[in-house]
Amino acid sequence: MPEISLELAAVLLLILGAEFVNGWTDAPNAIATVVGTKSLSPRQAILMASVLNLAGVLSGTAVAGTISKGIVDPKVIDLATVAGAMVGIIIWSTFAARWGIPTSESHALVAGLAGAGLATAGPHALLWAGWKKVMIGLFFSTVFGFGGGLLVMALIYWLFRKHSPGWLKPRFRWLQILSSAFMAFSHGSNDGQKFMGAFTLALVLGGVQNSFDIPKWVIFLCAGTMAVGTMTGGWKIMQTMGMKMTRLETHQGFSAELAAASTIELASRLGIPLSTTHTISTAIMGVGAVRRLSAVRWGVTAEIVTAWILTFPVCGLISWLVVKAIRLIAG
């Protein structure tokens, strides 16, 4: 194996830092509802999420391939481009996590790569094929998330219309644990792959490997880093998603998770990077809207949506500025 230069080592550490923040701010979305309904304790949920995120990461590499070679043209960028993207992600996501606002690491990553790519090589650094998948991912996460949550919840209300919520709660507890496990697995199959793609891109740019095949050690390293991030900093996000947006019972948590996880898993198999934050958030909104629109705390929801909107320009701008600063310092 070729020697890893100091420059490459620094970039790889930044990618792992961004992956850690991903576990801190994004992975908790997968288990927020099961904690919010008290079907599992935070410790139990985090342990389950860590194991099933890894299983999901190991289930395929289609999304990682899109990130590594489909968002920006690897032939016109360099390691400074990847470094700038990672710094943008870390700064923005850490700021949002400080206030318990779930951000989309998917959007942060593609926005960071775009901003850094523009600073490096201009508009022709961006690849339309990959960005087309990003746009499809936005449609999936918003429409399928909300619509799926609404439809599953409506179906459950119809099937069990003769039973009280008190009758449903214990019976859906175990179903919700299963749906939460599915959500954690699907998170790994999509979100867990994204920084593997960035890591592999850096290895190619640094001359360590010639192809964009994802090495097994990269899979385990990135998945493990994400798991540690979830264990050390995910509680505030869990509170926002599982308790503050709307009050959830077990059958409602099950509905949101089943709709979101199914949407994410479909996108993963198609190599479409989407935001798990968007998907579970819109699914929770859909579930809440079945009861009544006022059941959703729209003030909290507005904060989350604002963070979604700001992610693209803020991460893109920070990454652009970081790359320009690196080039200025390097002369």
Protein backbone atom coordinates (compact mmCIF):
# COMPACT_ATOMS: atom_id res chain seq x y z
CA MET A 1 0.00 0.00 0.00
CA PRO A 2 1.36 3.47 -0.83
CA GLU A 3 2.34 5.67 2.07
CA ILE A 4 -0.34 7.92 3.51
CA SER A 5 0.87 11.52 3.38
CA LEU A 6 0.29 13.97 6.22
CA GLU A 7 -2.14 15.87 4.00
CA LEU A 8 -4.19 12.75 3.32
CA ALA A 9 -4.08 11.72 6.98
CA ALA A 10 -5.45 15.14 7.99
CA VAL A 11 -8.27 14.89 5.46
CA LEU A 12 -9.17 11.36 6.59
CA LEU A 13 -9.33 12.57 10.20
CA LEU A 14 -11.65 15.40 9.12
CA ILE A 15 -13.92 12.86 7.38
CA LEU A 16 -14.03 10.76 10.56
CA GLY A 17 -14.81 13.96 12.48
CA ALA A 18 -17.75 14.62 10.16
CA GLU A 19 -18.87 11.00 10.54
CA PHE A 20 -18.71 11.39 14.32
CA VAL A 21 -20.91 14.49 14.06
CA ASN A 22 -23.22 12.49 11.78
CA GLY A 23 -23.67 9.99 14.62
CA TRP A 24 -24.13 12.85 17.03
CA THR A 25 -26.81 14.71 15.06
CA ASP A 26 -28.34 12.39 12.47
CA ALA A 27 -28.23 8.77 13.68
CA PRO A 28 -30.41 9.60 16.75
CA ASN A 29 -33.29 10.22 14.31
CA ALA A 30 -33.45 6.48 13.76
CA ILE A 31 -34.29 5.78 17.39
CA ALA A 32 -35.93 9.01 18.55
CA THR A 33 -39.53 7.79 18.38
CA VAL A 34 -38.87 4.51 20.22
CA VAL A 35 -37.29 6.52 23.04
CA GLY A 36 -40.06 9.12 22.94
CA THR A 37 -42.74 6.45 23.47
CA LYS A 38 -40.61 4.81 26.20
CA SER A 39 -40.65 1.46 24.39
CA LEU A 40 -36.88 1.38 24.92
CA SER A 41 -34.56 3.30 27.21
CA PRO A 42 -32.01 5.62 25.54
CA ARG A 43 -29.20 3.19 26.42
CA GLN A 44 -31.05 0.21 24.90
CA ALA A 45 -32.02 2.20 21.81
CA ILE A 46 -28.47 3.46 21.23
CA LEU A 47 -27.03 -0.06 21.55
CA MET A 48 -29.60 -1.38 19.07
CA ALA A 49 -28.97 1.51 16.67
CA SER A 50 -25.18 0.98 16.80
CA VAL A 51 -25.45 -2.70 15.87
CA LEU A 52 -28.11 -2.28 13.17
CA ASN A 53 -26.47 0.81 11.66
CA LEU A 54 -23.40 -1.36 11.09
CA ALA A 55 -25.56 -4.12 9.57
CA GLY A 56 -27.16 -1.56 7.27
CA VAL A 57 -23.79 -0.16 6.22
CA LEU A 58 -22.64 -3.68 5.29
CA SER A 59 -25.74 -4.29 3.16
CA GLY A 60 -24.54 -2.41 0.08
CA THR A 61 -22.42 0.43 -1.32
CA ALA A 62 -24.64 2.04 -3.99
CA VAL A 63 -25.08 5.30 -2.05
CA ALA A 64 -21.36 5.45 -1.22
CA GLY A 65 -20.61 5.15 -4.94
CA THR A 66 -22.89 8.10 -5.71
CA ILE A 67 -21.12 10.26 -3.13
CA SER A 68 -17.57 9.25 -4.07
CA LYS A 69 -17.84 9.82 -7.82
CA GLY A 70 -21.27 11.26 -8.64
CA ILE A 71 -21.54 14.66 -6.91
CA VAL A 72 -18.29 16.34 -7.96
CA ASP A 73 -15.92 15.24 -10.72
CA PRO A 74 -12.97 13.46 -9.06
CA LYS A 75 -10.73 14.43 -11.99
CA VAL A 76 -10.91 18.18 -11.28
CA ILE A 77 -10.79 18.29 -7.46
CA ASP A 78 -8.15 17.52 -4.85
CA LEU A 79 -7.77 16.74 -1.16
CA ALA A 80 -8.28 20.40 -0.22
CA THR A 81 -11.76 20.16 -1.78
CA VAL A 82 -12.70 17.23 0.46
CA ALA A 83 -11.18 18.96 3.50
CA GLY A 84 -13.21 22.12 2.88
CA ALA A 85 -16.43 20.09 2.58
CA MET A 86 -15.77 18.30 5.88
CA VAL A 87 -15.01 21.51 7.76
CA GLY A 88 -18.29 23.01 6.54
CA ILE A 89 -20.22 19.97 7.77
CA ILE A 90 -18.54 19.90 11.18
CA ILE A 91 -19.06 23.61 11.86
CA TRP A 92 -22.72 23.72 10.78
CA SER A 93 -23.80 20.45 12.36
CA THR A 94 -22.05 21.14 15.65
CA PHE A 95 -23.79 24.51 15.86
CA ALA A 96 -27.19 22.92 15.18
CA ALA A 97 -26.57 20.08 17.65
CA ARG A 98 -25.80 22.63 20.36
CA TRP A 99 -29.45 23.74 20.09
CA GLY A 100 -30.90 20.27 19.64
CA ILE A 101 -31.91 20.92 16.02
CA PRO A 102 -31.64 17.83 13.78
CA THR A 103 -29.79 18.69 10.59
CA SER A 104 -29.42 16.66 7.43
CA GLU A 105 -25.86 15.37 7.09
CA SER A 106 -26.82 14.21 3.59
CA HIS A 107 -27.56 17.76 2.50
CA ALA A 108 -24.59 19.08 4.46
CA LEU A 109 -22.30 16.63 2.67
CA VAL A 110 -23.52 17.32 -0.88
CA ALA A 111 -23.66 21.07 -0.21
CA GLY A 112 -20.15 20.99 1.25
CA LEU A 113 -18.79 19.05 -1.72
CA ALA A 114 -20.56 21.45 -4.09
CA GLY A 115 -19.22 24.59 -2.40
CA ALA A 116 -15.71 23.18 -2.17
CA GLY A 117 -15.89 21.90 -5.76
CA LEU A 118 -16.98 25.32 -7.04
CA ALA A 119 -14.07 26.94 -5.20
CA THR A 120 -11.66 24.43 -6.74
CA ALA A 121 -12.75 24.15 -10.35
CA GLY A 122 -15.88 26.22 -10.95
CA PRO A 123 -19.31 25.00 -12.10
CA HIS A 124 -18.01 22.16 -14.30
CA ALA A 125 -16.88 20.38 -11.12
CA LEU A 126 -20.52 19.47 -10.44
CA LEU A 127 -21.94 16.29 -11.99
CA TRP A 128 -25.59 16.38 -13.07
CA ALA A 129 -26.13 12.61 -12.73
CA GLY A 130 -25.41 12.67 -9.00
CA TRP A 131 -27.35 15.89 -8.40
CA LYS A 132 -30.34 14.40 -10.17
CA LYS A 133 -30.30 11.64 -7.55
CA VAL A 134 -30.08 14.26 -4.79
CA MET A 135 -33.21 15.97 -6.17
CA ILE A 136 -35.01 12.62 -6.33
CA GLY A 137 -33.95 12.05 -2.72
CA LEU A 138 -35.57 15.35 -1.72
CA PHE A 139 -38.81 14.19 -3.33
CA PHE A 140 -38.62 10.78 -1.65
CA SER A 141 -37.93 12.16 1.82
CA THR A 142 -40.63 14.84 1.69
CA VAL A 143 -43.51 13.27 -0.25
CA PHE A 144 -43.02 9.60 0.58
CA GLY A 145 -42.13 10.39 4.20
CA PHE A 146 -45.18 12.53 4.92
CA GLY A 147 -47.53 10.54 2.72
CA GLY A 148 -46.31 7.20 4.03
CA GLY A 149 -46.66 8.25 7.67
CA LEU A 150 -50.16 9.58 7.00
CA LEU A 151 -51.29 6.44 5.12
CA VAL A 152 -49.89 3.91 7.60
CA MET A 153 -51.39 5.83 10.53
CA ALA A 154 -54.77 6.13 8.81
CA LEU A 155 -54.76 2.38 8.07
CA ILE A 156 -54.00 1.53 11.70
CA TYR A 157 -56.75 3.84 12.94
CA TRP A 158 -59.18 2.13 10.55
CA LEU A 159 -58.11 -1.43 11.42
CA PHE A 160 -58.24 -0.81 15.18
CA ARG A 161 -61.05 1.76 15.24
CA LYS A 162 -62.98 -0.24 17.83
CA HIS A 163 -60.09 -0.29 20.29
CA SER A 164 -58.93 2.40 22.69
CA PRO A 165 -55.41 3.91 22.69
CA GLY A 166 -54.86 2.16 26.04
CA TRP A 167 -55.49 -1.20 24.35
CA LEU A 168 -53.13 -0.36 21.47
CA LYS A 169 -50.14 0.85 23.49
CA PRO A 170 -48.82 -2.44 24.95
CA ARG A 171 -49.60 -4.39 21.78
CA PHE A 172 -47.67 -2.01 19.55
CA ARG A 173 -44.69 -1.72 21.89
CA TRP A 174 -42.92 -4.74 20.40
CA LEU A 175 -43.95 -3.81 16.88
CA GLN A 176 -42.43 -0.40 17.42
CA ILE A 177 -39.17 -1.91 18.62
CA LEU A 178 -39.07 -3.90 15.37
CA SER A 179 -39.88 -0.83 13.27
CA SER A 180 -37.18 1.12 15.11
CA ALA A 181 -34.70 -1.67 14.35
CA PHE A 182 -35.73 -1.43 10.67
CA MET A 183 -35.22 2.34 10.82
CA ALA A 184 -31.73 1.95 12.30
CA PHE A 185 -30.81 -0.61 9.62
CA SER A 186 -32.11 1.62 6.81
CA HIS A 187 -30.21 4.60 8.27
CA GLY A 188 -27.01 2.60 8.00
CA SER A 189 -27.83 1.49 4.47
CA ASN A 190 -28.15 5.11 3.30
CA ASP A 191 -26.67 7.66 5.68
CA GLY A 192 -23.97 5.34 6.99
CA GLN A 193 -22.63 4.91 3.48
CA LYS A 194 -22.20 8.58 2.64
CA PHE A 195 -19.01 9.25 4.55
CA MET A 196 -17.61 5.92 3.40
CA GLY A 197 -17.93 7.40 -0.07
CA ALA A 198 -16.12 10.59 0.99
CA PHE A 199 -13.39 8.50 2.68
CA THR A 200 -12.87 6.41 -0.47
CA LEU A 201 -12.81 9.56 -2.61
CA ALA A 202 -9.99 10.90 -0.41
CA LEU A 203 -8.06 7.61 -0.72
CA VAL A 204 -8.28 7.83 -4.52
CA LEU A 205 -7.26 11.50 -4.60
CA GLY A 206 -4.38 10.74 -2.21
CA GLY A 207 -3.09 7.95 -4.44
CA VAL A 208 -3.67 5.15 -1.93
CA GLN A 209 -6.05 3.26 -4.24
CA ASN A 210 -6.95 3.48 -7.91
CA SER A 211 -10.62 2.46 -7.84
CA PHE A 212 -13.72 3.65 -6.01
CA ASP A 213 -14.38 0.22 -4.50
CA ILE A 214 -15.13 0.60 -0.79
CA PRO A 215 -12.60 -1.35 1.34
CA LYS A 216 -14.04 -3.40 4.20
CA TRP A 217 -11.83 -1.61 6.75
CA VAL A 218 -13.31 1.74 5.65
CA ILE A 219 -16.84 0.36 6.18
CA PHE A 220 -16.07 -0.78 9.74
CA LEU A 221 -14.09 2.36 10.62
CA CYS A 222 -16.82 4.74 9.49
CA ALA A 223 -19.64 2.69 11.02
CA GLY A 224 -17.78 2.46 14.34
CA THR A 225 -17.09 6.20 14.37
CA MET A 226 -20.77 6.95 13.72
CA ALA A 227 -21.78 4.59 16.55
CA VAL A 228 -19.47 6.37 19.01
CA GLY A 229 -20.95 9.72 17.95
CA THR A 230 -24.47 8.45 18.61
CA MET A 231 -23.50 7.15 22.06
CA THR A 232 -21.87 10.39 23.14
CA GLY A 233 -24.15 13.13 21.89
CA GLY A 234 -27.50 12.08 20.50
CA TRP A 235 -29.85 12.78 23.43
CA LYS A 236 -30.88 16.35 22.50
CA ILE A 237 -31.85 15.29 18.99
CA MET A 238 -33.84 12.35 20.38
CA GLN A 239 -35.76 14.75 22.59
CA THR A 240 -36.60 17.07 19.68
CA MET A 241 -37.68 14.31 17.31
CA GLY A 242 -39.30 11.92 19.75
CA MET A 243 -40.97 14.29 22.21
CA LYS A 244 -41.11 17.90 21.07
CA MET A 245 -42.54 17.71 17.52
CA THR A 246 -45.69 15.85 18.57
CA ARG A 247 -46.73 13.55 21.38
CA LEU A 248 -46.37 9.97 20.15
CA GLU A 249 -47.89 6.70 21.31
CA THR A 250 -46.42 3.34 20.33
CA HIS A 251 -48.71 2.80 17.32
CA GLN A 252 -47.88 6.30 16.06
CA GLY A 253 -44.14 5.76 16.48
CA PHE A 254 -44.49 2.45 14.63
CA SER A 255 -46.30 4.18 11.76
CA ALA A 256 -43.67 6.92 11.40
CA GLU A 257 -40.74 4.49 11.55
CA LEU A 258 -42.25 1.97 9.13
CA ALA A 259 -43.01 4.69 6.56
CA ALA A 260 -39.61 6.36 6.92
CA ALA A 261 -37.56 3.15 6.95
CA SER A 262 -39.35 1.77 3.88
CA THR A 263 -38.70 5.01 1.98
CA ILE A 264 -35.02 5.08 2.98
CA GLU A 265 -34.47 1.42 2.12
CA LEU A 266 -35.97 1.88 -1.36
CA ALA A 267 -33.70 4.89 -1.96
CA SER A 268 -30.63 2.97 -0.74
CA ARG A 269 -31.17 0.15 -3.23
CA LEU A 270 -31.46 2.72 -6.03
CA GLY A 271 -28.24 4.48 -4.94
CA ILE A 272 -30.19 7.64 -4.04
CA PRO A 273 -28.73 9.65 -1.13
CA LEU A 274 -31.57 11.12 0.88
CA SER A 275 -31.91 12.77 4.26
CA THR A 276 -32.99 10.41 7.03
CA THR A 277 -33.72 13.53 9.10
CA HIS A 278 -36.17 14.78 6.47
CA THR A 279 -37.74 11.39 6.03
CA ILE A 280 -38.46 10.60 9.68
CA SER A 281 -39.43 14.23 10.38
CA THR A 282 -41.99 14.35 7.58
CA ALA A 283 -43.26 10.89 8.56
CA ILE A 284 -43.83 12.13 12.13
CA MET A 285 -45.64 15.18 10.72
CA GLY A 286 -47.83 12.89 8.60
CA VAL A 287 -48.67 10.74 11.62
CA GLY A 288 -49.50 13.80 13.72
CA ALA A 289 -51.64 15.29 10.96
CA VAL A 290 -53.92 12.21 10.91
CA ARG A 291 -55.04 13.04 14.44
CA ARG A 292 -55.36 16.75 13.76
CA LEU A 293 -53.05 19.42 12.38
CA SER A 294 -52.81 21.06 15.79
CA ALA A 295 -51.28 17.85 17.20
CA VAL A 296 -48.03 18.79 15.45
CA ARG A 297 -46.03 21.45 17.29
CA TRP A 298 -45.48 23.64 14.27
CA GLY A 299 -43.12 26.00 16.11
CA VAL A 300 -40.63 23.16 16.64
CA THR A 301 -41.29 21.94 13.11
CA ALA A 302 -40.55 25.43 11.72
CA GLU A 303 -37.14 25.40 13.44
CA ILE A 304 -36.33 22.04 11.86
CA VAL A 305 -37.48 23.16 8.40
CA THR A 306 -35.45 26.37 8.73
CA ALA A 307 -32.36 24.27 9.51
CA TRP A 308 -33.07 22.16 6.41
CA ILE A 309 -33.30 25.25 4.21
CA LEU A 310 -30.18 26.85 5.65
CA THR A 311 -28.04 23.70 5.38
CA PHE A 312 -27.40 23.98 1.64
CA PRO A 313 -26.27 27.63 1.48
CA VAL A 314 -24.47 27.69 4.84
CA CYS A 315 -22.46 24.47 4.33
CA GLY A 316 -21.77 25.39 0.73
CA LEU A 317 -20.51 28.85 1.68
CA ILE A 318 -18.37 27.67 4.60
CA SER A 319 -16.78 24.96 2.42
CA TRP A 320 -16.16 27.46 -0.39
CA LEU A 321 -14.46 29.88 2.02
CA VAL A 322 -12.33 27.13 3.61
CA VAL A 323 -11.01 25.96 0.23
CA LYS A 324 -10.24 29.55 -0.81
CA ALA A 325 -8.41 30.08 2.50
CA ILE A 326 -6.38 26.87 2.04
CA ARG A 327 -5.37 27.96 -1.46
CA LEU A 328 -4.44 31.43 -0.21
CA ILE A 329 -2.29 30.04 2.62
CA ALA A 330 -0.68 27.45 0.35
CA GLY A 331 0.20 30.24 -2.07
